[in-house]
Amino acid sequence: MASVWSTRADQEFAGQVCSELADDLPDEDLGECLDDAMDMYRMGSKPRCEEVEYLGMVRDAIDRIEEGE
């Protein structure tokens, strides 16, 4: 039973992180899977400084979800 709660808690945490990221990047269509957002991103589609910030924020969110922090 603990694994069910852990999975549910993990899903809720991932949803919270994605929601926070969506608040920080309101003009972006991130979808539900941040790995897909990274994979589908076209380099050079934003000005360089925005691109670095965007990719960093998405990577940080993915890392938070993976680490559970």
PDB file of N, CA and C in Angstrom:
ATOM      1  N   MET A   1       0.817  -1.198   0.000  1.00  0.00           N
ATOM      2  CA  MET A   1       0.000   0.000   0.000  1.00  0.00           C
ATOM      3  C   MET A   1       0.858   1.258   0.000  1.00  0.00           C
ATOM      4  N   ALA A   2       2.046   1.187   0.604  1.00  0.00           N
ATOM      5  CA  ALA A   2       2.915   2.355   0.668  1.00  0.00           C
ATOM      6  C   ALA A   2       3.308   2.823  -0.725  1.00  0.00           C
ATOM      7  N   SER A   3       3.522   1.884  -1.660  1.00  0.00           N
ATOM      8  CA  SER A   3       3.932   2.286  -3.008  1.00  0.00           C
ATOM      9  C   SER A   3       2.830   3.048  -3.718  1.00  0.00           C
ATOM     10  N   VAL A   4       1.571   2.720  -3.437  1.00  0.00           N
ATOM     11  CA  VAL A   4       0.467   3.461  -4.042  1.00  0.00           C
ATOM     12  C   VAL A   4       0.472   4.897  -3.544  1.00  0.00           C
ATOM     13  N   TRP A   5       0.673   5.081  -2.241  1.00  0.00           N
ATOM     14  CA  TRP A   5       0.710   6.435  -1.688  1.00  0.00           C
ATOM     15  C   TRP A   5       1.928   7.184  -2.201  1.00  0.00           C
ATOM     16  N   SER A   6       3.057   6.489  -2.294  1.00  0.00           N
ATOM     17  CA  SER A   6       4.263   7.126  -2.799  1.00  0.00           C
ATOM     18  C   SER A   6       4.052   7.587  -4.241  1.00  0.00           C
ATOM     19  N   THR A   7       3.447   6.733  -5.049  1.00  0.00           N
ATOM     20  CA  THR A   7       3.189   7.084  -6.441  1.00  0.00           C
ATOM     21  C   THR A   7       2.236   8.265  -6.519  1.00  0.00           C
ATOM     22  N   ARG A   8       1.198   8.247  -5.730  1.00  0.00           N
ATOM     23  CA  ARG A   8       0.236   9.350  -5.720  1.00  0.00           C
ATOM     24  C   ARG A   8       0.920  10.637  -5.263  1.00  0.00           C
ATOM     25  N   ALA A   9       1.718  10.534  -4.214  1.00  0.00           N
ATOM     26  CA  ALA A   9       2.438  11.708  -3.710  1.00  0.00           C
ATOM     27  C   ALA A   9       3.424  12.217  -4.760  1.00  0.00           C
ATOM     28  N   ASP A  10       4.096  11.299  -5.439  1.00  0.00           N
ATOM     29  CA  ASP A  10       5.034  11.692  -6.499  1.00  0.00           C
ATOM     30  C   ASP A  10       4.302  12.407  -7.625  1.00  0.00           C
ATOM     31  N   GLN A  11       3.148  11.899  -8.001  1.00  0.00           N
ATOM     32  CA  GLN A  11       2.361  12.518  -9.069  1.00  0.00           C
ATOM     33  C   GLN A  11       1.875  13.907  -8.650  1.00  0.00           C
ATOM     34  N   GLU A  12       1.444  14.028  -7.412  1.00  0.00           N
ATOM     35  CA  GLU A  12       0.993  15.328  -6.915  1.00  0.00           C
ATOM     36  C   GLU A  12       2.142  16.321  -6.876  1.00  0.00           C
ATOM     37  N   PHE A  13       3.323  15.864  -6.450  1.00  0.00           N
ATOM     38  CA  PHE A  13       4.484  16.746  -6.405  1.00  0.00           C
ATOM     39  C   PHE A  13       4.874  17.183  -7.815  1.00  0.00           C
ATOM     40  N   ALA A  14       4.882  16.245  -8.753  1.00  0.00           N
ATOM     41  CA  ALA A  14       5.210  16.582 -10.143  1.00  0.00           C
ATOM     42  C   ALA A  14       4.206  17.590 -10.696  1.00  0.00           C
ATOM     43  N   GLY A  15       2.945  17.419 -10.388  1.00  0.00           N
ATOM     44  CA  GLY A  15       1.921  18.364 -10.822  1.00  0.00           C
ATOM     45  C   GLY A  15       2.141  19.742 -10.226  1.00  0.00           C
ATOM     46  N   GLN A  16       2.548  19.780  -8.969  1.00  0.00           N
ATOM     47  CA  GLN A  16       2.819  21.058  -8.303  1.00  0.00           C
ATOM     48  C   GLN A  16       4.004  21.760  -8.969  1.00  0.00           C
ATOM     49  N   VAL A  17       5.073  21.020  -9.239  1.00  0.00           N
ATOM     50  CA  VAL A  17       6.252  21.599  -9.883  1.00  0.00           C
ATOM     51  C   VAL A  17       5.894  22.120 -11.274  1.00  0.00           C
ATOM     52  N   CYS A  18       5.132  21.341 -12.039  1.00  0.00           N
ATOM     53  CA  CYS A  18       4.717  21.766 -13.383  1.00  0.00           C
ATOM     54  C   CYS A  18       3.834  23.009 -13.317  1.00  0.00           C
ATOM     55  N   SER A  19       2.970  23.063 -12.329  1.00  0.00           N
ATOM     56  CA  SER A  19       2.102  24.228 -12.153  1.00  0.00           C
ATOM     57  C   SER A  19       2.918  25.478 -11.835  1.00  0.00           C
ATOM     58  N   GLU A  20       3.914  25.326 -10.966  1.00  0.00           N
ATOM     59  CA  GLU A  20       4.787  26.457 -10.638  1.00  0.00           C
ATOM     60  C   GLU A  20       5.549  26.929 -11.873  1.00  0.00           C
ATOM     61  N   LEU A  21       6.027  25.974 -12.672  1.00  0.00           N
ATOM     62  CA  LEU A  21       6.757  26.331 -13.887  1.00  0.00           C
ATOM     63  C   LEU A  21       5.832  27.035 -14.877  1.00  0.00           C
ATOM     64  N   ALA A  22       4.611  26.562 -15.011  1.00  0.00           N
ATOM     65  CA  ALA A  22       3.644  27.199 -15.913  1.00  0.00           C
ATOM     66  C   ALA A  22       3.347  28.630 -15.457  1.00  0.00           C
ATOM     67  N   ASP A  23       3.307  28.851 -14.142  1.00  0.00           N
ATOM     68  CA  ASP A  23       3.114  30.212 -13.622  1.00  0.00           C
ATOM     69  C   ASP A  23       4.299  31.104 -13.977  1.00  0.00           C
ATOM     70  N   ASP A  24       5.508  30.521 -13.926  1.00  0.00           N
ATOM     71  CA  ASP A  24       6.724  31.281 -14.240  1.00  0.00           C
ATOM     72  C   ASP A  24       6.891  31.521 -15.738  1.00  0.00           C
ATOM     73  N   LEU A  25       6.306  30.647 -16.553  1.00  0.00           N
ATOM     74  CA  LEU A  25       6.419  30.744 -18.015  1.00  0.00           C
ATOM     75  C   LEU A  25       5.020  30.741 -18.644  1.00  0.00           C
ATOM     76  N   PRO A  26       4.228  31.779 -18.386  1.00  0.00           N
ATOM     77  CA  PRO A  26       2.823  31.759 -18.819  1.00  0.00           C
ATOM     78  C   PRO A  26       2.623  31.729 -20.336  1.00  0.00           C
ATOM     79  N   ASP A  27       3.605  32.152 -21.102  1.00  0.00           N
ATOM     80  CA  ASP A  27       3.459  32.183 -22.557  1.00  0.00           C
ATOM     81  C   ASP A  27       3.876  30.884 -23.234  1.00  0.00           C
ATOM     82  N   GLU A  28       4.325  29.911 -22.457  1.00  0.00           N
ATOM     83  CA  GLU A  28       4.802  28.651 -23.014  1.00  0.00           C
ATOM     84  C   GLU A  28       3.741  27.568 -22.887  1.00  0.00           C
ATOM     85  N   ASP A  29       3.680  26.698 -23.885  1.00  0.00           N
ATOM     86  CA  ASP A  29       2.799  25.533 -23.855  1.00  0.00           C
ATOM     87  C   ASP A  29       3.666  24.325 -23.517  1.00  0.00           C
ATOM     88  N   LEU A  30       3.783  24.041 -22.221  1.00  0.00           N
ATOM     89  CA  LEU A  30       4.706  23.009 -21.772  1.00  0.00           C
ATOM     90  C   LEU A  30       4.146  21.603 -21.858  1.00  0.00           C
ATOM     91  N   GLY A  31       2.848  21.447 -21.855  1.00  0.00           N
ATOM     92  CA  GLY A  31       2.264  20.115 -21.858  1.00  0.00           C
ATOM     93  C   GLY A  31       2.453  19.434 -20.514  1.00  0.00           C
ATOM     94  N   GLU A  32       2.190  18.151 -20.476  1.00  0.00           N
ATOM     95  CA  GLU A  32       2.252  17.422 -19.212  1.00  0.00           C
ATOM     96  C   GLU A  32       3.618  16.804 -18.951  1.00  0.00           C
ATOM     97  N   CYS A  33       4.397  16.577 -19.982  1.00  0.00           N
ATOM     98  CA  CYS A  33       5.684  15.916 -19.827  1.00  0.00           C
ATOM     99  C   CYS A  33       6.809  16.910 -20.144  1.00  0.00           C
ATOM    100  N   LEU A  34       7.558  17.270 -19.125  1.00  0.00           N
ATOM    101  CA  LEU A  34       8.625  18.247 -19.322  1.00  0.00           C
ATOM    102  C   LEU A  34       9.761  17.692 -20.176  1.00  0.00           C
ATOM    103  N   ASP A  35       9.984  16.378 -20.119  1.00  0.00           N
ATOM    104  CA  ASP A  35      11.001  15.789 -20.988  1.00  0.00           C
ATOM    105  C   ASP A  35      10.625  15.999 -22.452  1.00  0.00           C
ATOM    106  N   ASP A  36       9.335  15.897 -22.769  1.00  0.00           N
ATOM    107  CA  ASP A  36       8.877  16.150 -24.134  1.00  0.00           C
ATOM    108  C   ASP A  36       9.101  17.608 -24.520  1.00  0.00           C
ATOM    109  N   ALA A  37       8.881  18.519 -23.575  1.00  0.00           N
ATOM    110  CA  ALA A  37       9.105  19.936 -23.846  1.00  0.00           C
ATOM    111  C   ALA A  37      10.563  20.177 -24.204  1.00  0.00           C
ATOM    112  N   MET A  38      11.464  19.496 -23.508  1.00  0.00           N
ATOM    113  CA  MET A  38      12.898  19.635 -23.812  1.00  0.00           C
ATOM    114  C   MET A  38      13.221  19.007 -25.165  1.00  0.00           C
ATOM    115  N   ASP A  39      12.675  17.826 -25.423  1.00  0.00           N
ATOM    116  CA  ASP A  39      12.954  17.122 -26.675  1.00  0.00           C
ATOM    117  C   ASP A  39      12.423  17.871 -27.892  1.00  0.00           C
ATOM    118  N   MET A  40      11.277  18.507 -27.745  1.00  0.00           N
ATOM    119  CA  MET A  40      10.626  19.165 -28.873  1.00  0.00           C
ATOM    120  C   MET A  40      11.095  20.609 -29.067  1.00  0.00           C
ATOM    121  N   TYR A  41      11.882  21.126 -28.130  1.00  0.00           N
ATOM    122  CA  TYR A  41      12.324  22.512 -28.234  1.00  0.00           C
ATOM    123  C   TYR A  41      13.288  22.674 -29.407  1.00  0.00           C
ATOM    124  N   ARG A  42      13.082  23.702 -30.192  1.00  0.00           N
ATOM    125  CA  ARG A  42      13.954  24.000 -31.334  1.00  0.00           C
ATOM    126  C   ARG A  42      14.967  25.058 -30.922  1.00  0.00           C
ATOM    127  N   MET A  43      16.233  24.678 -30.900  1.00  0.00           N
ATOM    128  CA  MET A  43      17.291  25.624 -30.552  1.00  0.00           C
ATOM    129  C   MET A  43      17.257  26.789 -31.532  1.00  0.00           C
ATOM    130  N   GLY A  44      17.414  27.989 -31.004  1.00  0.00           N
ATOM    131  CA  GLY A  44      17.409  29.188 -31.830  1.00  0.00           C
ATOM    132  C   GLY A  44      16.033  29.775 -32.048  1.00  0.00           C
ATOM    133  N   SER A  45      15.004  29.181 -31.454  1.00  0.00           N
ATOM    134  CA  SER A  45      13.643  29.678 -31.656  1.00  0.00           C
ATOM    135  C   SER A  45      13.323  30.864 -30.737  1.00  0.00           C
ATOM    136  N   LYS A  46      14.219  31.165 -29.814  1.00  0.00           N
ATOM    137  CA  LYS A  46      14.068  32.315 -28.904  1.00  0.00           C
ATOM    138  C   LYS A  46      15.377  33.095 -28.929  1.00  0.00           C
ATOM    139  N   PRO A  47      15.331  34.346 -28.520  1.00  0.00           N
ATOM    140  CA  PRO A  47      16.594  35.060 -28.334  1.00  0.00           C
ATOM    141  C   PRO A  47      17.461  34.291 -27.335  1.00  0.00           C
ATOM    142  N   ARG A  48      18.756  34.331 -27.509  1.00  0.00           N
ATOM    143  CA  ARG A  48      19.693  33.509 -26.727  1.00  0.00           C
ATOM    144  C   ARG A  48      19.480  33.612 -25.217  1.00  0.00           C
ATOM    145  N   CYS A  49      19.333  34.821 -24.688  1.00  0.00           N
ATOM    146  CA  CYS A  49      19.185  34.957 -23.233  1.00  0.00           C
ATOM    147  C   CYS A  49      17.876  34.315 -22.747  1.00  0.00           C
ATOM    148  N   GLU A  50      16.806  34.453 -23.526  1.00  0.00           N
ATOM    149  CA  GLU A  50      15.531  33.816 -23.166  1.00  0.00           C
ATOM    150  C   GLU A  50      15.639  32.302 -23.274  1.00  0.00           C
ATOM    151  N   GLU A  51      16.353  31.846 -24.290  1.00  0.00           N
ATOM    152  CA  GLU A  51      16.518  30.412 -24.502  1.00  0.00           C
ATOM    153  C   GLU A  51      17.246  29.766 -23.322  1.00  0.00           C
ATOM    154  N   VAL A  52      18.318  30.390 -22.888  1.00  0.00           N
ATOM    155  CA  VAL A  52      19.087  29.864 -21.758  1.00  0.00           C
ATOM    156  C   VAL A  52      18.226  29.819 -20.502  1.00  0.00           C
ATOM    157  N   GLU A  53      17.475  30.888 -20.254  1.00  0.00           N
ATOM    158  CA  GLU A  53      16.611  30.937 -19.071  1.00  0.00           C
ATOM    159  C   GLU A  53      15.509  29.876 -19.149  1.00  0.00           C
ATOM    160  N   TYR A  54      14.859  29.766 -20.304  1.00  0.00           N
ATOM    161  CA  TYR A  54      13.783  28.789 -20.493  1.00  0.00           C
ATOM    162  C   TYR A  54      14.294  27.366 -20.274  1.00  0.00           C
ATOM    163  N   LEU A  55      15.365  27.013 -20.970  1.00  0.00           N
ATOM    164  CA  LEU A  55      15.894  25.652 -20.860  1.00  0.00           C
ATOM    165  C   LEU A  55      16.371  25.363 -19.440  1.00  0.00           C
ATOM    166  N   GLY A  56      16.954  26.344 -18.781  1.00  0.00           N
ATOM    167  CA  GLY A  56      17.387  26.161 -17.399  1.00  0.00           C
ATOM    168  C   GLY A  56      16.230  25.933 -16.451  1.00  0.00           C
ATOM    169  N   MET A  57      15.165  26.685 -16.640  1.00  0.00           N
ATOM    170  CA  MET A  57      13.992  26.537 -15.768  1.00  0.00           C
ATOM    171  C   MET A  57      13.330  25.173 -15.952  1.00  0.00           C
ATOM    172  N   VAL A  58      13.216  24.736 -17.201  1.00  0.00           N
ATOM    173  CA  VAL A  58      12.608  23.424 -17.462  1.00  0.00           C
ATOM    174  C   VAL A  58      13.502  22.323 -16.902  1.00  0.00           C
ATOM    175  N   ARG A  59      14.810  22.417 -17.113  1.00  0.00           N
ATOM    176  CA  ARG A  59      15.746  21.416 -16.590  1.00  0.00           C
ATOM    177  C   ARG A  59      15.691  21.383 -15.068  1.00  0.00           C
ATOM    178  N   ASP A  60      15.632  22.544 -14.423  1.00  0.00           N
ATOM    179  CA  ASP A  60      15.537  22.601 -12.956  1.00  0.00           C
ATOM    180  C   ASP A  60      14.261  21.929 -12.460  1.00  0.00           C
ATOM    181  N   ALA A  61      13.158  22.154 -13.162  1.00  0.00           N
ATOM    182  CA  ALA A  61      11.890  21.524 -12.773  1.00  0.00           C
ATOM    183  C   ALA A  61      11.973  20.008 -12.923  1.00  0.00           C
ATOM    184  N   ILE A  62      12.572  19.537 -14.014  1.00  0.00           N
ATOM    185  CA  ILE A  62      12.742  18.090 -14.212  1.00  0.00           C
ATOM    186  C   ILE A  62      13.598  17.514 -13.083  1.00  0.00           C
ATOM    187  N   ASP A  63      14.686  18.190 -12.753  1.00  0.00           N
ATOM    188  CA  ASP A  63      15.557  17.727 -11.669  1.00  0.00           C
ATOM    189  C   ASP A  63      14.826  17.687 -10.338  1.00  0.00           C
ATOM    190  N   ARG A  64      14.028  18.712 -10.041  1.00  0.00           N
ATOM    191  CA  ARG A  64      13.244  18.729  -8.790  1.00  0.00           C
ATOM    192  C   ARG A  64      12.312  17.541  -8.717  1.00  0.00           C
ATOM    193  N   ILE A  65      11.648  17.240  -9.819  1.00  0.00           N
ATOM    194  CA  ILE A  65      10.711  16.104  -9.838  1.00  0.00           C
ATOM    195  C   ILE A  65      11.474  14.794  -9.627  1.00  0.00           C
ATOM    196  N   GLU A  66      12.585  14.637 -10.329  1.00  0.00           N
ATOM    197  CA  GLU A  66      13.358  13.401 -10.203  1.00  0.00           C
ATOM    198  C   GLU A  66      13.917  13.217  -8.799  1.00  0.00           C
ATOM    199  N   GLU A  67      14.311  14.311  -8.158  1.00  0.00           N
ATOM    200  CA  GLU A  67      14.893  14.239  -6.820  1.00  0.00           C
ATOM    201  C   GLU A  67      13.839  14.290  -5.727  1.00  0.00           C
ATOM    202  N   GLY A  68      12.609  14.657  -6.091  1.00  0.00           N
ATOM    203  CA  GLY A  68      11.536  14.739  -5.103  1.00  0.00           C
ATOM    204  C   GLY A  68      11.670  15.923  -4.167  1.00  0.00           C
ATOM    205  N   GLU A  69      12.320  16.991  -4.643  1.00  0.00           N
ATOM    206  CA  GLU A  69      12.533  18.183  -3.804  1.00  0.00           C
ATOM    207  C   GLU A  69      11.692  19.324  -4.269  1.00  0.00           C
TER     208      GLU A  69
END
